Amino acid sequence: MGGSLGPLFADFFMDWFEDKYMEEIKKFVSWKRFVDEIFLLLKVINKSSELLKFLNNVHPNIKFTEEKETEISKTRFELPFLDVLVIRDSQKGLQTGVYRKKTFACTYLHWESLTPRNYKIGLINCLINRAHKICSDDETLKIEIAKI
């Protein structure tokens, strides 16, 4: 987003955009936004291209893109949103877990480095706190803590 004011301006613009067009948008979706990232739950799945076309035609200074969920199995679909992995399971409903990009190297800070011990403990506490906030069930939380 460029300079340090980029996220602030993006948030202001998106707030204005939502105020102006939300009545039209709500016909299609449940809309959740963080700055310029939007998570949508469509009421009718085959309307995504129609909604994307509408959103991209309402203002010349903004272009939306879409990332659709990926099918993991016949009953399980996944979609990353920020650092959350949203899982749609036909038996369990919506679940969440911690998302890491495929390029994640599993290294934050080497324990034997000369970094102060309280920084290392703070990092572990931060990762565990994040897991508690993101993971929607005990099974996912246990897996995440084992990774940490």
C-alpha atoms as a PDB file:
ATOM      1  CA  MET A   1       0.000   0.000   0.000  1.00  0.00           C
ATOM      2  CA  GLY A   2       2.975   2.295  -0.329  1.00  0.00           C
ATOM      3  CA  GLY A   3       3.633   4.893   2.374  1.00  0.00           C
ATOM      4  CA  SER A   4       2.804   4.808   6.043  1.00  0.00           C
ATOM      5  CA  LEU A   5      -0.535   6.575   5.487  1.00  0.00           C
ATOM      6  CA  GLY A   6      -1.627   3.999   2.876  1.00  0.00           C
ATOM      7  CA  PRO A   7      -3.539   1.713   5.278  1.00  0.00           C
ATOM      8  CA  LEU A   8      -5.262   4.704   6.893  1.00  0.00           C
ATOM      9  CA  PHE A   9      -6.409   6.104   3.537  1.00  0.00           C
ATOM     10  CA  ALA A  10      -7.468   2.620   2.390  1.00  0.00           C
ATOM     11  CA  ASP A  11      -9.554   2.221   5.536  1.00  0.00           C
ATOM     12  CA  PHE A  12     -11.191   5.656   5.066  1.00  0.00           C
ATOM     13  CA  PHE A  13     -11.934   4.931   1.419  1.00  0.00           C
ATOM     14  CA  MET A  14     -13.385   1.480   2.140  1.00  0.00           C
ATOM     15  CA  ASP A  15     -15.550   2.924   4.934  1.00  0.00           C
ATOM     16  CA  TRP A  16     -16.954   5.480   2.478  1.00  0.00           C
ATOM     17  CA  PHE A  17     -17.349   2.770  -0.169  1.00  0.00           C
ATOM     18  CA  GLU A  18     -19.317   0.541   2.233  1.00  0.00           C
ATOM     19  CA  ASP A  19     -21.577   3.406   3.323  1.00  0.00           C
ATOM     20  CA  LYS A  20     -22.395   4.217  -0.287  1.00  0.00           C
ATOM     21  CA  TYR A  21     -22.839   0.709  -1.759  1.00  0.00           C
ATOM     22  CA  MET A  22     -23.629  -1.665   1.122  1.00  0.00           C
ATOM     23  CA  GLU A  23     -27.360  -1.859   0.403  1.00  0.00           C
ATOM     24  CA  GLU A  24     -26.587  -3.240  -3.051  1.00  0.00           C
ATOM     25  CA  ILE A  25     -23.832  -5.524  -1.730  1.00  0.00           C
ATOM     26  CA  LYS A  26     -25.957  -7.039   1.057  1.00  0.00           C
ATOM     27  CA  LYS A  27     -28.239  -8.585  -1.552  1.00  0.00           C
ATOM     28  CA  PHE A  28     -25.386 -10.981  -2.302  1.00  0.00           C
ATOM     29  CA  VAL A  29     -23.268 -11.546   0.773  1.00  0.00           C
ATOM     30  CA  SER A  30     -22.257 -11.366   4.379  1.00  0.00           C
ATOM     31  CA  TRP A  31     -19.366  -8.854   4.267  1.00  0.00           C
ATOM     32  CA  LYS A  32     -16.498  -8.651   6.802  1.00  0.00           C
ATOM     33  CA  ARG A  33     -13.555  -6.305   6.233  1.00  0.00           C
ATOM     34  CA  PHE A  34     -10.149  -5.503   7.731  1.00  0.00           C
ATOM     35  CA  VAL A  35      -8.636  -2.403   6.073  1.00  0.00           C
ATOM     36  CA  ASP A  36      -8.668  -3.527   2.402  1.00  0.00           C
ATOM     37  CA  GLU A  37      -9.111  -7.287   2.903  1.00  0.00           C
ATOM     38  CA  ILE A  38     -12.707  -8.522   2.656  1.00  0.00           C
ATOM     39  CA  PHE A  39     -14.149 -11.874   3.629  1.00  0.00           C
ATOM     40  CA  LEU A  40     -17.458 -12.673   1.924  1.00  0.00           C
ATOM     41  CA  LEU A  41     -19.970 -15.423   2.452  1.00  0.00           C
ATOM     42  CA  LEU A  42     -22.141 -15.639  -0.638  1.00  0.00           C
ATOM     43  CA  LYS A  43     -25.823 -16.440  -0.350  1.00  0.00           C
ATOM     44  CA  VAL A  44     -25.797 -17.878  -3.871  1.00  0.00           C
ATOM     45  CA  ILE A  45     -22.438 -19.321  -4.963  1.00  0.00           C
ATOM     46  CA  ASN A  46     -22.809 -18.682  -8.689  1.00  0.00           C
ATOM     47  CA  LYS A  47     -23.259 -14.930  -8.088  1.00  0.00           C
ATOM     48  CA  SER A  48     -19.568 -14.264  -7.315  1.00  0.00           C
ATOM     49  CA  SER A  49     -18.693 -13.124 -10.841  1.00  0.00           C
ATOM     50  CA  GLU A  50     -21.755 -10.858 -10.935  1.00  0.00           C
ATOM     51  CA  LEU A  51     -20.796  -9.285  -7.593  1.00  0.00           C
ATOM     52  CA  LEU A  52     -17.144  -8.874  -8.646  1.00  0.00           C
ATOM     53  CA  LYS A  53     -18.242  -7.172 -11.866  1.00  0.00           C
ATOM     54  CA  PHE A  54     -20.538  -4.821  -9.902  1.00  0.00           C
ATOM     55  CA  LEU A  55     -17.810  -3.947  -7.364  1.00  0.00           C
ATOM     56  CA  ASN A  56     -15.233  -3.244 -10.073  1.00  0.00           C
ATOM     57  CA  ASN A  57     -17.611  -0.980 -12.007  1.00  0.00           C
ATOM     58  CA  VAL A  58     -18.815   1.307  -9.192  1.00  0.00           C
ATOM     59  CA  HIS A  59     -15.615   3.329  -8.732  1.00  0.00           C
ATOM     60  CA  PRO A  60     -12.697   3.859 -11.143  1.00  0.00           C
ATOM     61  CA  ASN A  61     -10.016   3.988  -8.399  1.00  0.00           C
ATOM     62  CA  ILE A  62     -10.550   0.535  -6.914  1.00  0.00           C
ATOM     63  CA  LYS A  63     -10.313  -2.934  -8.384  1.00  0.00           C
ATOM     64  CA  PHE A  64     -11.340  -6.004  -6.450  1.00  0.00           C
ATOM     65  CA  THR A  65      -9.949  -9.489  -6.936  1.00  0.00           C
ATOM     66  CA  GLU A  66     -11.266 -12.765  -5.624  1.00  0.00           C
ATOM     67  CA  GLU A  67      -9.787 -15.867  -4.122  1.00  0.00           C
ATOM     68  CA  LYS A  68     -12.150 -18.794  -3.918  1.00  0.00           C
ATOM     69  CA  GLU A  69     -12.039 -21.600  -1.400  1.00  0.00           C
ATOM     70  CA  THR A  70     -10.144 -24.736  -2.391  1.00  0.00           C
ATOM     71  CA  GLU A  71     -11.660 -28.175  -2.163  1.00  0.00           C
ATOM     72  CA  ILE A  72      -9.686 -30.409   0.193  1.00  0.00           C
ATOM     73  CA  SER A  73     -12.207 -33.249   0.089  1.00  0.00           C
ATOM     74  CA  LYS A  74     -15.855 -33.689  -0.942  1.00  0.00           C
ATOM     75  CA  THR A  75     -16.975 -32.227   2.411  1.00  0.00           C
ATOM     76  CA  ARG A  76     -14.078 -29.884   3.309  1.00  0.00           C
ATOM     77  CA  PHE A  77     -13.092 -26.543   1.790  1.00  0.00           C
ATOM     78  CA  GLU A  78     -10.408 -24.059   2.900  1.00  0.00           C
ATOM     79  CA  LEU A  79      -9.751 -20.371   2.364  1.00  0.00           C
ATOM     80  CA  PRO A  80      -6.972 -18.266   3.938  1.00  0.00           C
ATOM     81  CA  PHE A  81      -7.908 -14.821   5.213  1.00  0.00           C
ATOM     82  CA  LEU A  82      -5.050 -12.789   6.707  1.00  0.00           C
ATOM     83  CA  ASP A  83      -3.409 -15.266   9.124  1.00  0.00           C
ATOM     84  CA  VAL A  84      -6.581 -17.315   9.633  1.00  0.00           C
ATOM     85  CA  LEU A  85      -7.410 -20.491   7.732  1.00  0.00           C
ATOM     86  CA  VAL A  86     -11.194 -20.678   7.401  1.00  0.00           C
ATOM     87  CA  ILE A  87     -12.425 -24.245   6.970  1.00  0.00           C
ATOM     88  CA  ARG A  88     -15.941 -25.037   5.752  1.00  0.00           C
ATOM     89  CA  ASP A  89     -16.856 -28.595   6.665  1.00  0.00           C
ATOM     90  CA  SER A  90     -20.278 -30.023   5.831  1.00  0.00           C
ATOM     91  CA  GLN A  91     -20.404 -31.905   9.169  1.00  0.00           C
ATOM     92  CA  LYS A  92     -18.712 -29.380  11.499  1.00  0.00           C
ATOM     93  CA  GLY A  93     -19.641 -26.052   9.873  1.00  0.00           C
ATOM     94  CA  LEU A  94     -17.135 -23.183   9.823  1.00  0.00           C
ATOM     95  CA  GLN A  95     -13.890 -23.696  11.714  1.00  0.00           C
ATOM     96  CA  THR A  96     -10.729 -21.618  11.987  1.00  0.00           C
ATOM     97  CA  GLY A  97      -7.039 -22.343  12.409  1.00  0.00           C
ATOM     98  CA  VAL A  98      -3.726 -20.535  12.017  1.00  0.00           C
ATOM     99  CA  TYR A  99      -2.685 -20.017   8.388  1.00  0.00           C
ATOM    100  CA  ARG A 100       0.913 -19.966   7.207  1.00  0.00           C
ATOM    101  CA  LYS A 101       2.031 -19.349   3.645  1.00  0.00           C
ATOM    102  CA  LYS A 102       3.644 -22.227   1.792  1.00  0.00           C
ATOM    103  CA  THR A 103       6.931 -20.324   1.885  1.00  0.00           C
ATOM    104  CA  PHE A 104       6.943 -20.164   5.717  1.00  0.00           C
ATOM    105  CA  ALA A 105      10.302 -21.490   6.944  1.00  0.00           C
ATOM    106  CA  CYS A 106       9.191 -22.478  10.495  1.00  0.00           C
ATOM    107  CA  THR A 107      11.876 -20.229  11.982  1.00  0.00           C
ATOM    108  CA  TYR A 108      11.188 -17.194  14.116  1.00  0.00           C
ATOM    109  CA  LEU A 109      14.173 -16.933  16.435  1.00  0.00           C
ATOM    110  CA  HIS A 110      16.895 -19.444  17.227  1.00  0.00           C
ATOM    111  CA  TRP A 111      16.873 -20.262  20.957  1.00  0.00           C
ATOM    112  CA  GLU A 112      20.703 -20.231  21.137  1.00  0.00           C
ATOM    113  CA  SER A 113      20.978 -16.748  19.606  1.00  0.00           C
ATOM    114  CA  LEU A 114      22.226 -13.795  21.664  1.00  0.00           C
ATOM    115  CA  THR A 115      18.724 -12.355  21.844  1.00  0.00           C
ATOM    116  CA  PRO A 116      17.587 -11.672  25.431  1.00  0.00           C
ATOM    117  CA  ARG A 117      15.682 -14.560  27.039  1.00  0.00           C
ATOM    118  CA  ASN A 118      12.603 -12.422  27.770  1.00  0.00           C
ATOM    119  CA  TYR A 119      12.271 -11.742  23.994  1.00  0.00           C
ATOM    120  CA  LYS A 120      12.305 -15.481  23.328  1.00  0.00           C
ATOM    121  CA  ILE A 121       9.708 -16.176  26.025  1.00  0.00           C
ATOM    122  CA  GLY A 122       7.631 -13.262  24.716  1.00  0.00           C
ATOM    123  CA  LEU A 123       7.662 -14.724  21.205  1.00  0.00           C
ATOM    124  CA  ILE A 124       6.441 -18.103  22.477  1.00  0.00           C
ATOM    125  CA  ASN A 125       3.703 -16.413  24.525  1.00  0.00           C
ATOM    126  CA  CYS A 126       2.665 -14.346  21.496  1.00  0.00           C
ATOM    127  CA  LEU A 127       2.376 -17.432  19.265  1.00  0.00           C
ATOM    128  CA  ILE A 128       0.382 -19.360  21.887  1.00  0.00           C
ATOM    129  CA  ASN A 129      -1.911 -16.380  22.463  1.00  0.00           C
ATOM    130  CA  ARG A 130      -2.483 -16.092  18.707  1.00  0.00           C
ATOM    131  CA  ALA A 131      -3.339 -19.797  18.512  1.00  0.00           C
ATOM    132  CA  HIS A 132      -5.864 -19.450  21.360  1.00  0.00           C
ATOM    133  CA  LYS A 133      -7.532 -16.511  19.622  1.00  0.00           C
ATOM    134  CA  ILE A 134      -7.656 -18.045  16.139  1.00  0.00           C
ATOM    135  CA  CYS A 135      -8.285 -21.782  16.617  1.00  0.00           C
ATOM    136  CA  SER A 136     -11.981 -22.539  16.876  1.00  0.00           C
ATOM    137  CA  ASP A 137     -11.766 -25.956  18.545  1.00  0.00           C
ATOM    138  CA  ASP A 138      -9.534 -27.894  20.937  1.00  0.00           C
ATOM    139  CA  GLU A 139      -8.277 -30.325  18.291  1.00  0.00           C
ATOM    140  CA  THR A 140      -6.999 -27.532  16.029  1.00  0.00           C
ATOM    141  CA  LEU A 141      -5.520 -25.727  19.037  1.00  0.00           C
ATOM    142  CA  LYS A 142      -3.597 -28.832  20.161  1.00  0.00           C
ATOM    143  CA  ILE A 143      -2.133 -29.264  16.668  1.00  0.00           C
ATOM    144  CA  GLU A 144      -1.091 -25.614  16.558  1.00  0.00           C
ATOM    145  CA  ILE A 145       0.547 -25.701  20.004  1.00  0.00           C
ATOM    146  CA  ALA A 146       2.469 -28.836  18.963  1.00  0.00           C
ATOM    147  CA  LYS A 147       3.790 -26.893  15.944  1.00  0.00           C
ATOM    148  CA  ILE A 148       4.865 -24.010  18.178  1.00  0.00           C
END
